[in-house]
Each structure stands twice: as C-alpha cells, then as structure tokens.
PDB file of all heavy atoms in Angstrom:
ATOM      1  N   ALA A   1      57.704 -21.966 -47.906  1.00  0.00           N
ATOM      2  CA  ALA A   1      58.794 -22.103 -46.840  1.00  0.00           C
ATOM      3  C   ALA A   1      59.417 -20.766 -46.479  1.00  0.00           C
ATOM      4  O   ALA A   1      59.691 -20.523 -45.271  1.00  0.00           O
ATOM      5  CB  ALA A   1      59.842 -23.137 -47.367  1.00  0.00           C
ATOM      6  N   GLY A   2      59.716 -20.006 -47.518  1.00  0.00           N
ATOM      7  CA  GLY A   2      60.300 -18.654 -47.242  1.00  0.00           C
ATOM      8  C   GLY A   2      59.430 -17.741 -46.443  1.00  0.00           C
ATOM      9  O   GLY A   2      59.844 -17.104 -45.536  1.00  0.00           O
ATOM     10  N   SER A   3      58.072 -17.818 -46.751  1.00  0.00           N
ATOM     11  CA  SER A   3      57.114 -16.984 -45.990  1.00  0.00           C
ATOM     12  C   SER A   3      56.965 -17.413 -44.582  1.00  0.00           C
ATOM     13  O   SER A   3      56.967 -16.612 -43.591  1.00  0.00           O
ATOM     14  CB  SER A   3      55.734 -17.073 -46.744  1.00  0.00           C
ATOM     15  OG  SER A   3      54.890 -16.211 -46.015  1.00  0.00           O
ATOM     16  N   ILE A   4      56.878 -18.834 -44.377  1.00  0.00           N
ATOM     17  CA  ILE A   4      56.845 -19.281 -42.986  1.00  0.00           C
ATOM     18  C   ILE A   4      58.075 -18.872 -42.179  1.00  0.00           C
ATOM     19  O   ILE A   4      57.919 -18.508 -40.969  1.00  0.00           O
ATOM     20  CB  ILE A   4      56.698 -20.837 -42.966  1.00  0.00           C
ATOM     21  CG1 ILE A   4      55.332 -21.209 -43.579  1.00  0.00           C
ATOM     22  CG2 ILE A   4      56.888 -21.423 -41.654  1.00  0.00           C
ATOM     23  CD1 ILE A   4      55.078 -22.628 -43.762  1.00  0.00           C
ATOM     24  N   CYS A   5      59.200 -18.917 -42.821  1.00  0.00           N
ATOM     25  CA  CYS A   5      60.409 -18.566 -42.132  1.00  0.00           C
ATOM     26  C   CYS A   5      60.364 -17.031 -41.735  1.00  0.00           C
ATOM     27  O   CYS A   5      60.845 -16.683 -40.668  1.00  0.00           O
ATOM     28  CB  CYS A   5      61.611 -18.854 -42.971  1.00  0.00           C
ATOM     29  SG  CYS A   5      62.139 -20.562 -43.143  1.00  0.00           S
ATOM     30  N   VAL A   6      59.851 -16.214 -42.632  1.00  0.00           N
ATOM     31  CA  VAL A   6      59.757 -14.722 -42.341  1.00  0.00           C
ATOM     32  C   VAL A   6      58.920 -14.519 -41.153  1.00  0.00           C
ATOM     33  O   VAL A   6      59.281 -13.678 -40.219  1.00  0.00           O
ATOM     34  CB  VAL A   6      59.315 -13.992 -43.580  1.00  0.00           C
ATOM     35  CG1 VAL A   6      58.891 -12.551 -43.255  1.00  0.00           C
ATOM     36  CG2 VAL A   6      60.235 -13.911 -44.743  1.00  0.00           C
ATOM     37  N   TRP A   7      57.756 -15.103 -41.117  1.00  0.00           N
ATOM     38  CA  TRP A   7      56.827 -14.845 -39.981  1.00  0.00           C
ATOM     39  C   TRP A   7      57.293 -15.563 -38.723  1.00  0.00           C
ATOM     40  O   TRP A   7      56.991 -15.052 -37.627  1.00  0.00           O
ATOM     41  CB  TRP A   7      55.443 -15.297 -40.460  1.00  0.00           C
ATOM     42  CG  TRP A   7      54.767 -14.433 -41.410  1.00  0.00           C
ATOM     43  CD1 TRP A   7      54.386 -14.846 -42.603  1.00  0.00           C
ATOM     44  CD2 TRP A   7      54.550 -13.130 -41.316  1.00  0.00           C
ATOM     45  NE1 TRP A   7      53.883 -13.719 -43.385  1.00  0.00           N
ATOM     46  CE2 TRP A   7      53.955 -12.701 -42.476  1.00  0.00           C
ATOM     47  CE3 TRP A   7      54.819 -12.162 -40.336  1.00  0.00           C
ATOM     48  CZ2 TRP A   7      53.627 -11.249 -42.754  1.00  0.00           C
ATOM     49  CZ3 TRP A   7      54.498 -10.785 -40.509  1.00  0.00           C
ATOM     50  CH2 TRP A   7      53.902 -10.393 -41.786  1.00  0.00           C
ATOM     51  N   SER A   8      58.039 -16.656 -38.818  1.00  0.00           N
ATOM     52  CA  SER A   8      58.591 -17.329 -37.712  1.00  0.00           C
ATOM     53  C   SER A   8      59.576 -16.489 -37.007  1.00  0.00           C
ATOM     54  O   SER A   8      59.627 -16.284 -35.764  1.00  0.00           O
ATOM     55  CB  SER A   8      59.161 -18.749 -37.996  1.00  0.00           C
ATOM     56  OG  SER A   8      58.207 -19.504 -38.438  1.00  0.00           O
ATOM     57  N   ILE A   9      60.463 -15.844 -37.889  1.00  0.00           N
ATOM     58  CA  ILE A   9      61.437 -14.895 -37.280  1.00  0.00           C
ATOM     59  C   ILE A   9      60.728 -13.647 -36.616  1.00  0.00           C
ATOM     60  O   ILE A   9      61.213 -13.226 -35.569  1.00  0.00           O
ATOM     61  CB  ILE A   9      62.384 -14.370 -38.492  1.00  0.00           C
ATOM     62  CG1 ILE A   9      63.282 -15.572 -39.011  1.00  0.00           C
ATOM     63  CG2 ILE A   9      63.191 -13.177 -38.073  1.00  0.00           C
ATOM     64  CD1 ILE A   9      64.107 -15.259 -40.141  1.00  0.00           C
ATOM     65  N   ALA A  10      59.714 -13.247 -37.252  1.00  0.00           N
ATOM     66  CA  ALA A  10      58.960 -12.062 -36.623  1.00  0.00           C
ATOM     67  C   ALA A  10      58.496 -12.413 -35.213  1.00  0.00           C
ATOM     68  O   ALA A  10      58.617 -11.683 -34.249  1.00  0.00           O
ATOM     69  CB  ALA A  10      57.753 -11.680 -37.457  1.00  0.00           C
ATOM     70  N   GLY A  11      57.971 -13.691 -35.033  1.00  0.00           N
ATOM     71  CA  GLY A  11      57.507 -14.132 -33.762  1.00  0.00           C
ATOM     72  C   GLY A  11      58.598 -14.327 -32.813  1.00  0.00           C
ATOM     73  O   GLY A  11      58.584 -13.972 -31.548  1.00  0.00           O
ATOM     74  N   LEU A  12      59.829 -14.741 -33.296  1.00  0.00           N
ATOM     75  CA  LEU A  12      61.080 -14.880 -32.468  1.00  0.00           C
ATOM     76  C   LEU A  12      61.538 -13.522 -31.974  1.00  0.00           C
ATOM     77  O   LEU A  12      62.027 -13.488 -30.967  1.00  0.00           O
ATOM     78  CB  LEU A  12      62.102 -15.723 -33.209  1.00  0.00           C
ATOM     79  CG  LEU A  12      63.317 -16.029 -32.457  1.00  0.00           C
ATOM     80  CD1 LEU A  12      63.097 -16.769 -31.227  1.00  0.00           C
ATOM     81  CD2 LEU A  12      64.351 -16.773 -33.355  1.00  0.00           C
ATOM     82  N   THR A  13      61.522 -12.591 -32.844  1.00  0.00           N
ATOM     83  CA  THR A  13      61.833 -11.203 -32.429  1.00  0.00           C
ATOM     84  C   THR A  13      60.993 -10.731 -31.343  1.00  0.00           C
ATOM     85  O   THR A  13      61.586 -10.141 -30.341  1.00  0.00           O
ATOM     86  CB  THR A  13      61.657 -10.293 -33.700  1.00  0.00           C
ATOM     87  OG1 THR A  13      62.459 -10.686 -34.719  1.00  0.00           O
ATOM     88  CG2 THR A  13      62.093  -8.860 -33.223  1.00  0.00           C
ATOM     89  N   VAL A  14      59.673 -10.915 -31.320  1.00  0.00           N
ATOM     90  CA  VAL A  14      58.808 -10.506 -30.207  1.00  0.00           C
ATOM     91  C   VAL A  14      59.160 -11.299 -28.965  1.00  0.00           C
ATOM     92  O   VAL A  14      59.256 -10.751 -27.845  1.00  0.00           O
ATOM     93  CB  VAL A  14      57.284 -10.870 -30.578  1.00  0.00           C
ATOM     94  CG1 VAL A  14      56.406 -10.542 -29.319  1.00  0.00           C
ATOM     95  CG2 VAL A  14      56.887  -9.948 -31.771  1.00  0.00           C
ATOM     96  N   CYS A  15      59.573 -12.642 -29.095  1.00  0.00           N
ATOM     97  CA  CYS A  15      59.921 -13.402 -27.879  1.00  0.00           C
ATOM     98  C   CYS A  15      61.212 -12.860 -27.388  1.00  0.00           C
ATOM     99  O   CYS A  15      61.429 -12.863 -26.090  1.00  0.00           O
ATOM    100  CB  CYS A  15      60.089 -14.831 -28.316  1.00  0.00           C
ATOM    101  SG  CYS A  15      58.505 -15.641 -28.723  1.00  0.00           S
ATOM    102  N   CYS A  16      62.152 -12.503 -28.190  1.00  0.00           N
ATOM    103  CA  CYS A  16      63.533 -11.932 -27.698  1.00  0.00           C
ATOM    104  C   CYS A  16      63.315 -10.597 -27.023  1.00  0.00           C
ATOM    105  O   CYS A  16      63.912 -10.357 -25.973  1.00  0.00           O
ATOM    106  CB  CYS A  16      64.424 -11.694 -28.874  1.00  0.00           C
ATOM    107  SG  CYS A  16      65.044 -13.234 -29.603  1.00  0.00           S
ATOM    108  N   LEU A  17      62.406  -9.839 -27.425  1.00  0.00           N
ATOM    109  CA  LEU A  17      62.048  -8.552 -26.775  1.00  0.00           C
ATOM    110  C   LEU A  17      61.397  -8.827 -25.400  1.00  0.00           C
ATOM    111  O   LEU A  17      61.645  -8.107 -24.411  1.00  0.00           O
ATOM    112  CB  LEU A  17      61.203  -7.653 -27.590  1.00  0.00           C
ATOM    113  CG  LEU A  17      61.873  -7.129 -28.966  1.00  0.00           C
ATOM    114  CD1 LEU A  17      60.954  -6.423 -29.894  1.00  0.00           C
ATOM    115  CD2 LEU A  17      63.027  -6.133 -28.572  1.00  0.00           C
ATOM    116  N   ILE A  18      60.554  -9.724 -25.348  1.00  0.00           N
ATOM    117  CA  ILE A  18      59.864 -10.136 -23.998  1.00  0.00           C
ATOM    118  C   ILE A  18      60.860 -10.545 -22.979  1.00  0.00           C
ATOM    119  O   ILE A  18      60.953 -10.161 -21.961  1.00  0.00           O
ATOM    120  CB  ILE A  18      58.825 -11.246 -24.310  1.00  0.00           C
ATOM    121  CG1 ILE A  18      57.541 -10.553 -25.010  1.00  0.00           C
ATOM    122  CG2 ILE A  18      58.453 -11.915 -23.064  1.00  0.00           C
ATOM    123  CD1 ILE A  18      56.551 -11.632 -25.445  1.00  0.00           C
ATOM    124  N   ALA A  19      61.896 -11.391 -23.557  1.00  0.00           N
ATOM    125  CA  ALA A  19      62.927 -11.816 -22.643  1.00  0.00           C
ATOM    126  C   ALA A  19      63.828 -10.778 -22.291  1.00  0.00           C
ATOM    127  O   ALA A  19      64.257 -10.731 -21.172  1.00  0.00           O
ATOM    128  CB  ALA A  19      63.664 -13.024 -23.299  1.00  0.00           C
ATOM    129  N   ALA A  20      64.144  -9.876 -23.137  1.00  0.00           N
ATOM    130  CA  ALA A  20      65.057  -8.750 -22.860  1.00  0.00           C
ATOM    131  C   ALA A  20      64.498  -7.803 -21.908  1.00  0.00           C
ATOM    132  O   ALA A  20      65.371  -7.324 -20.983  1.00  0.00           O
ATOM    133  CB  ALA A  20      65.410  -8.034 -24.215  1.00  0.00           C
ATOM    134  N   PHE A  21      63.255  -7.526 -21.873  1.00  0.00           N
ATOM    135  CA  PHE A  21      62.683  -6.521 -20.910  1.00  0.00           C
ATOM    136  C   PHE A  21      62.065  -7.218 -19.722  1.00  0.00           C
ATOM    137  O   PHE A  21      61.519  -6.510 -18.871  1.00  0.00           O
ATOM    138  CB  PHE A  21      61.621  -5.648 -21.683  1.00  0.00           C
ATOM    139  CG  PHE A  21      62.212  -4.781 -22.779  1.00  0.00           C
ATOM    140  CD1 PHE A  21      61.936  -4.917 -24.130  1.00  0.00           C
ATOM    141  CD2 PHE A  21      63.196  -3.831 -22.461  1.00  0.00           C
ATOM    142  CE1 PHE A  21      62.463  -4.125 -25.005  1.00  0.00           C
ATOM    143  CE2 PHE A  21      63.774  -2.972 -23.346  1.00  0.00           C
ATOM    144  CZ  PHE A  21      63.413  -3.169 -24.662  1.00  0.00           C
ATOM    145  N   GLY A  22      62.148  -8.568 -19.683  1.00  0.00           N
ATOM    146  CA  GLY A  22      61.720  -9.278 -18.520  1.00  0.00           C
ATOM    147  C   GLY A  22      60.060  -9.145 -18.408  1.00  0.00           C
ATOM    148  O   GLY A  22      59.544  -9.169 -17.308  1.00  0.00           O
ATOM    149  N   VAL A  23      59.484  -9.128 -19.538  1.00  0.00           N
ATOM    150  CA  VAL A  23      57.939  -9.095 -19.539  1.00  0.00           C
ATOM    151  C   VAL A  23      57.474 -10.475 -19.227  1.00  0.00           C
ATOM    152  O   VAL A  23      57.848 -11.480 -19.754  1.00  0.00           O
ATOM    153  CB  VAL A  23      57.381  -8.554 -20.990  1.00  0.00           C
ATOM    154  CG1 VAL A  23      55.935  -8.597 -20.983  1.00  0.00           C
ATOM    155  CG2 VAL A  23      58.012  -7.282 -21.261  1.00  0.00           C
ATOM    156  N   GLU A  24      56.517 -10.579 -18.275  1.00  0.00           N
ATOM    157  CA  GLU A  24      55.961 -11.804 -17.855  1.00  0.00           C
ATOM    158  C   GLU A  24      54.861 -12.397 -18.726  1.00  0.00           C
ATOM    159  O   GLU A  24      53.710 -12.532 -18.274  1.00  0.00           O
ATOM    160  CB  GLU A  24      55.524 -11.667 -16.303  1.00  0.00           C
ATOM    161  CG  GLU A  24      56.639 -11.357 -15.379  1.00  0.00           C
ATOM    162  CD  GLU A  24      56.185 -11.211 -13.996  1.00  0.00           C
ATOM    163  OE1 GLU A  24      54.859 -11.340 -13.708  1.00  0.00           O
ATOM    164  OE2 GLU A  24      56.998 -11.123 -13.031  1.00  0.00           O
ATOM    165  N   VAL A  25      55.369 -12.714 -19.925  1.00  0.00           N
ATOM    166  CA  VAL A  25      54.389 -13.406 -20.906  1.00  0.00           C
ATOM    167  C   VAL A  25      55.208 -14.483 -21.446  1.00  0.00           C
ATOM    168  O   VAL A  25      56.406 -14.378 -21.871  1.00  0.00           O
ATOM    169  CB  VAL A  25      53.992 -12.416 -21.958  1.00  0.00           C
ATOM    170  CG1 VAL A  25      53.249 -13.118 -23.013  1.00  0.00           C
ATOM    171  CG2 VAL A  25      53.090 -11.224 -21.436  1.00  0.00           C
ATOM    172  N   SER A  26      54.614 -15.714 -21.570  1.00  0.00           N
ATOM    173  CA  SER A  26      55.336 -16.873 -22.039  1.00  0.00           C
ATOM    174  C   SER A  26      55.490 -16.717 -23.626  1.00  0.00           C
ATOM    175  O   SER A  26      54.842 -15.929 -24.314  1.00  0.00           O
ATOM    176  CB  SER A  26      54.499 -18.128 -21.696  1.00  0.00           C
ATOM    177  OG  SER A  26      53.343 -18.222 -22.518  1.00  0.00           O
ATOM    178  N   TRP A  27      56.520 -17.478 -24.159  1.00  0.00           N
ATOM    179  CA  TRP A  27      56.727 -17.379 -25.566  1.00  0.00           C
ATOM    180  C   TRP A  27      55.527 -18.055 -26.333  1.00  0.00           C
ATOM    181  O   TRP A  27      55.258 -17.555 -27.413  1.00  0.00           O
ATOM    182  CB  TRP A  27      58.035 -18.188 -25.901  1.00  0.00           C
ATOM    183  CG  TRP A  27      59.197 -17.512 -25.590  1.00  0.00           C
ATOM    184  CD1 TRP A  27      59.394 -16.472 -24.648  1.00  0.00           C
ATOM    185  CD2 TRP A  27      60.577 -17.540 -26.235  1.00  0.00           C
ATOM    186  NE1 TRP A  27      60.673 -16.014 -24.638  1.00  0.00           N
ATOM    187  CE2 TRP A  27      61.372 -16.656 -25.677  1.00  0.00           C
ATOM    188  CE3 TRP A  27      60.986 -18.483 -27.246  1.00  0.00           C
ATOM    189  CZ2 TRP A  27      62.735 -16.603 -26.019  1.00  0.00           C
ATOM    190  CZ3 TRP A  27      62.292 -18.337 -27.584  1.00  0.00           C
ATOM    191  CH2 TRP A  27      63.195 -17.379 -27.077  1.00  0.00           C
ATOM    192  N   GLY A  28      54.836 -19.045 -25.677  1.00  0.00           N
ATOM    193  CA  GLY A  28      53.651 -19.552 -26.376  1.00  0.00           C
ATOM    194  C   GLY A  28      52.572 -18.456 -26.552  1.00  0.00           C
ATOM    195  O   GLY A  28      51.961 -18.410 -27.619  1.00  0.00           O
ATOM    196  N   GLN A  29      52.444 -17.745 -25.463  1.00  0.00           N
ATOM    197  CA  GLN A  29      51.444 -16.613 -25.527  1.00  0.00           C
ATOM    198  C   GLN A  29      51.837 -15.598 -26.540  1.00  0.00           C
ATOM    199  O   GLN A  29      51.092 -15.043 -27.241  1.00  0.00           O
ATOM    200  CB  GLN A  29      51.312 -16.050 -24.058  1.00  0.00           C
ATOM    201  CG  GLN A  29      50.551 -16.917 -23.118  1.00  0.00           C
ATOM    202  CD  GLN A  29      50.563 -16.466 -21.694  1.00  0.00           C
ATOM    203  OE1 GLN A  29      51.639 -15.730 -21.296  1.00  0.00           O
ATOM    204  NE2 GLN A  29      49.739 -16.896 -20.926  1.00  0.00           N
ATOM    205  N   ALA A  30      53.220 -15.312 -26.578  1.00  0.00           N
ATOM    206  CA  ALA A  30      53.731 -14.294 -27.527  1.00  0.00           C
ATOM    207  C   ALA A  30      53.503 -14.743 -29.025  1.00  0.00           C
ATOM    208  O   ALA A  30      52.943 -13.875 -29.786  1.00  0.00           O
ATOM    209  CB  ALA A  30      55.214 -14.079 -27.332  1.00  0.00           C
ATOM    210  N   TYR A  31      53.651 -16.013 -29.328  1.00  0.00           N
ATOM    211  CA  TYR A  31      53.357 -16.476 -30.664  1.00  0.00           C
ATOM    212  C   TYR A  31      51.938 -16.546 -30.973  1.00  0.00           C
ATOM    213  O   TYR A  31      51.483 -16.453 -32.109  1.00  0.00           O
ATOM    214  CB  TYR A  31      53.965 -17.924 -30.807  1.00  0.00           C
ATOM    215  CG  TYR A  31      55.279 -17.866 -31.485  1.00  0.00           C
ATOM    216  CD1 TYR A  31      56.496 -17.893 -30.699  1.00  0.00           C
ATOM    217  CD2 TYR A  31      55.464 -17.806 -32.869  1.00  0.00           C
ATOM    218  CE1 TYR A  31      57.738 -17.887 -31.282  1.00  0.00           C
ATOM    219  CE2 TYR A  31      56.733 -17.796 -33.458  1.00  0.00           C
ATOM    220  CZ  TYR A  31      57.860 -17.827 -32.664  1.00  0.00           C
ATOM    221  OH  TYR A  31      59.081 -17.753 -33.245  1.00  0.00           O
ATOM    222  N   ALA A  32      51.027 -16.545 -29.847  1.00  0.00           N
ATOM    223  CA  ALA A  32      49.654 -16.474 -30.118  1.00  0.00           C
ATOM    224  C   ALA A  32      49.167 -15.056 -30.431  1.00  0.00           C
ATOM    225  O   ALA A  32      48.068 -14.776 -31.047  1.00  0.00           O
ATOM    226  CB  ALA A  32      48.868 -17.029 -28.975  1.00  0.00           C
ATOM    227  N   VAL A  33      50.011 -14.053 -29.870  1.00  0.00           N
ATOM    228  CA  VAL A  33      49.561 -12.707 -30.043  1.00  0.00           C
ATOM    229  C   VAL A  33      50.054 -12.007 -31.260  1.00  0.00           C
ATOM    230  O   VAL A  33      49.373 -11.249 -31.931  1.00  0.00           O
ATOM    231  CB  VAL A  33      50.143 -11.912 -28.787  1.00  0.00           C
ATOM    232  CG1 VAL A  33      50.241 -10.344 -29.017  1.00  0.00           C
ATOM    233  CG2 VAL A  33      49.402 -12.214 -27.520  1.00  0.00           C
ATOM    234  N   PHE A  34      51.356 -12.289 -31.678  1.00  0.00           N
ATOM    235  CA  PHE A  34      52.038 -11.395 -32.732  1.00  0.00           C
ATOM    236  C   PHE A  34      51.316 -11.538 -34.040  1.00  0.00           C
ATOM    237  O   PHE A  34      51.253 -10.425 -34.694  1.00  0.00           O
ATOM    238  CB  PHE A  34      53.426 -11.786 -32.832  1.00  0.00           C
ATOM    239  CG  PHE A  34      53.858 -12.709 -33.894  1.00  0.00           C
ATOM    240  CD1 PHE A  34      54.013 -12.412 -35.202  1.00  0.00           C
ATOM    241  CD2 PHE A  34      53.985 -14.096 -33.594  1.00  0.00           C
ATOM    242  CE1 PHE A  34      54.368 -13.303 -36.165  1.00  0.00           C
ATOM    243  CE2 PHE A  34      54.251 -14.996 -34.669  1.00  0.00           C
ATOM    244  CZ  PHE A  34      54.567 -14.616 -35.960  1.00  0.00           C
ATOM    245  N   PRO A  35      50.828 -12.658 -34.492  1.00  0.00           N
ATOM    246  CA  PRO A  35      50.150 -12.723 -35.875  1.00  0.00           C
ATOM    247  C   PRO A  35      48.955 -11.744 -35.870  1.00  0.00           C
ATOM    248  O   PRO A  35      48.636 -11.101 -36.807  1.00  0.00           O
ATOM    249  CB  PRO A  35      49.863 -14.105 -36.141  1.00  0.00           C
ATOM    250  CG  PRO A  35      49.890 -14.737 -34.840  1.00  0.00           C
ATOM    251  CD  PRO A  35      50.883 -14.024 -34.071  1.00  0.00           C
ATOM    252  N   LEU A  36      48.230 -11.764 -34.774  1.00  0.00           N
ATOM    253  CA  LEU A  36      46.948 -10.990 -34.660  1.00  0.00           C
ATOM    254  C   LEU A  36      47.374  -9.435 -34.679  1.00  0.00           C
ATOM    255  O   LEU A  36      46.624  -8.635 -35.254  1.00  0.00           O
ATOM    256  CB  LEU A  36      46.151 -11.395 -33.425  1.00  0.00           C
ATOM    257  CG  LEU A  36      45.843 -12.907 -33.361  1.00  0.00           C
ATOM    258  CD1 LEU A  36      45.035 -13.050 -32.040  1.00  0.00           C
ATOM    259  CD2 LEU A  36      44.993 -13.310 -34.496  1.00  0.00           C
ATOM    260  N   CYS A  37      48.382  -9.155 -34.062  1.00  0.00           N
ATOM    261  CA  CYS A  37      48.842  -7.740 -33.984  1.00  0.00           C
ATOM    262  C   CYS A  37      49.294  -7.323 -35.373  1.00  0.00           C
ATOM    263  O   CYS A  37      49.116  -6.124 -35.783  1.00  0.00           O
ATOM    264  CB  CYS A  37      49.990  -7.541 -32.966  1.00  0.00           C
ATOM    265  SG  CYS A  37      49.387  -8.007 -31.255  1.00  0.00           S
ATOM    266  N   VAL A  38      50.027  -8.134 -36.055  1.00  0.00           N
ATOM    267  CA  VAL A  38      50.450  -7.812 -37.416  1.00  0.00           C
ATOM    268  C   VAL A  38      49.248  -7.691 -38.351  1.00  0.00           C
ATOM    269  O   VAL A  38      49.143  -6.761 -39.215  1.00  0.00           O
ATOM    270  CB  VAL A  38      51.305  -8.943 -38.017  1.00  0.00           C
ATOM    271  CG1 VAL A  38      51.710  -8.639 -39.410  1.00  0.00           C
ATOM    272  CG2 VAL A  38      52.734  -8.977 -37.148  1.00  0.00           C
ATOM    273  N   LEU A  39      48.220  -8.481 -38.095  1.00  0.00           N
ATOM    274  CA  LEU A  39      47.037  -8.383 -38.877  1.00  0.00           C
ATOM    275  C   LEU A  39      46.310  -7.042 -38.663  1.00  0.00           C
ATOM    276  O   LEU A  39      45.845  -6.355 -39.580  1.00  0.00           O
ATOM    277  CB  LEU A  39      46.021  -9.491 -38.559  1.00  0.00           C
ATOM    278  CG  LEU A  39      46.393 -10.903 -39.142  1.00  0.00           C
ATOM    279  CD1 LEU A  39      45.375 -11.908 -38.632  1.00  0.00           C
ATOM    280  CD2 LEU A  39      46.316 -10.845 -40.732  1.00  0.00           C
ATOM    281  N   ALA A  40      46.460  -6.586 -37.411  1.00  0.00           N
ATOM    282  CA  ALA A  40      45.816  -5.229 -37.074  1.00  0.00           C
ATOM    283  C   ALA A  40      46.568  -4.166 -37.803  1.00  0.00           C
ATOM    284  O   ALA A  40      45.987  -3.125 -38.098  1.00  0.00           O
ATOM    285  CB  ALA A  40      45.885  -5.020 -35.558  1.00  0.00           C
ATOM    286  N   GLY A  41      47.904  -4.429 -37.928  1.00  0.00           N
ATOM    287  CA  GLY A  41      48.762  -3.348 -38.616  1.00  0.00           C
ATOM    288  C   GLY A  41      48.453  -3.355 -40.098  1.00  0.00           C
ATOM    289  O   GLY A  41      48.916  -2.385 -40.770  1.00  0.00           O
ATOM    290  N   LEU A  42      47.671  -4.296 -40.662  1.00  0.00           N
ATOM    291  CA  LEU A  42      47.299  -4.196 -42.113  1.00  0.00           C
ATOM    292  C   LEU A  42      46.312  -3.155 -42.435  1.00  0.00           C
ATOM    293  O   LEU A  42      46.025  -2.916 -43.675  1.00  0.00           O
ATOM    294  CB  LEU A  42      46.936  -5.623 -42.629  1.00  0.00           C
ATOM    295  CG  LEU A  42      47.972  -6.796 -42.516  1.00  0.00           C
ATOM    296  CD1 LEU A  42      47.343  -8.032 -43.017  1.00  0.00           C
ATOM    297  CD2 LEU A  42      49.130  -6.420 -43.399  1.00  0.00           C
ATOM    298  N   VAL A  43      45.586  -2.715 -41.465  1.00  0.00           N
ATOM    299  CA  VAL A  43      44.587  -1.610 -41.729  1.00  0.00           C
ATOM    300  C   VAL A  43      45.273  -0.396 -42.409  1.00  0.00           C
ATOM    301  O   VAL A  43      46.190   0.144 -41.850  1.00  0.00           O
ATOM    302  CB  VAL A  43      44.008  -1.162 -40.331  1.00  0.00           C
ATOM    303  CG1 VAL A  43      42.928  -0.060 -40.580  1.00  0.00           C
ATOM    304  CG2 VAL A  43      43.286  -2.290 -39.593  1.00  0.00           C
ATOM    305  N   PRO A  44      44.651  -0.155 -43.649  1.00  0.00           N
ATOM    306  CA  PRO A  44      45.472   0.966 -44.379  1.00  0.00           C
ATOM    307  C   PRO A  44      45.099   2.357 -43.997  1.00  0.00           C
ATOM    308  O   PRO A  44      44.733   3.153 -44.754  1.00  0.00           O
ATOM    309  CB  PRO A  44      44.901   0.679 -45.737  1.00  0.00           C
ATOM    310  CG  PRO A  44      43.479   0.150 -45.584  1.00  0.00           C
ATOM    311  CD  PRO A  44      43.581  -0.739 -44.306  1.00  0.00           C
TER     312      PRO A  44
END
C-alpha cells in the first residue's frame, strides 16, 4: 500500500505539471507514460 501510494503520487505530479504548462496530453496518457519513463531512469 505504501509503495502504490508513492508511485501514484509520482503519476499525479506528472499530471499536475501537464495541467500547469497546458501540455495537450490526457491524464490517462500521462499515467501510461510515467512508469515507463521511471523504468528508463533505472539504467545505472
């Protein structure tokens, strides 16, 4: 539950930034994107 909340907040942060800058991407698309981008960031 704690881990799911952490990653859900990460996705919500991306959605807030999309709304703040007026980026024409839906929140559903944002939630589809952010975990894959975080996975890309795991490359050491």
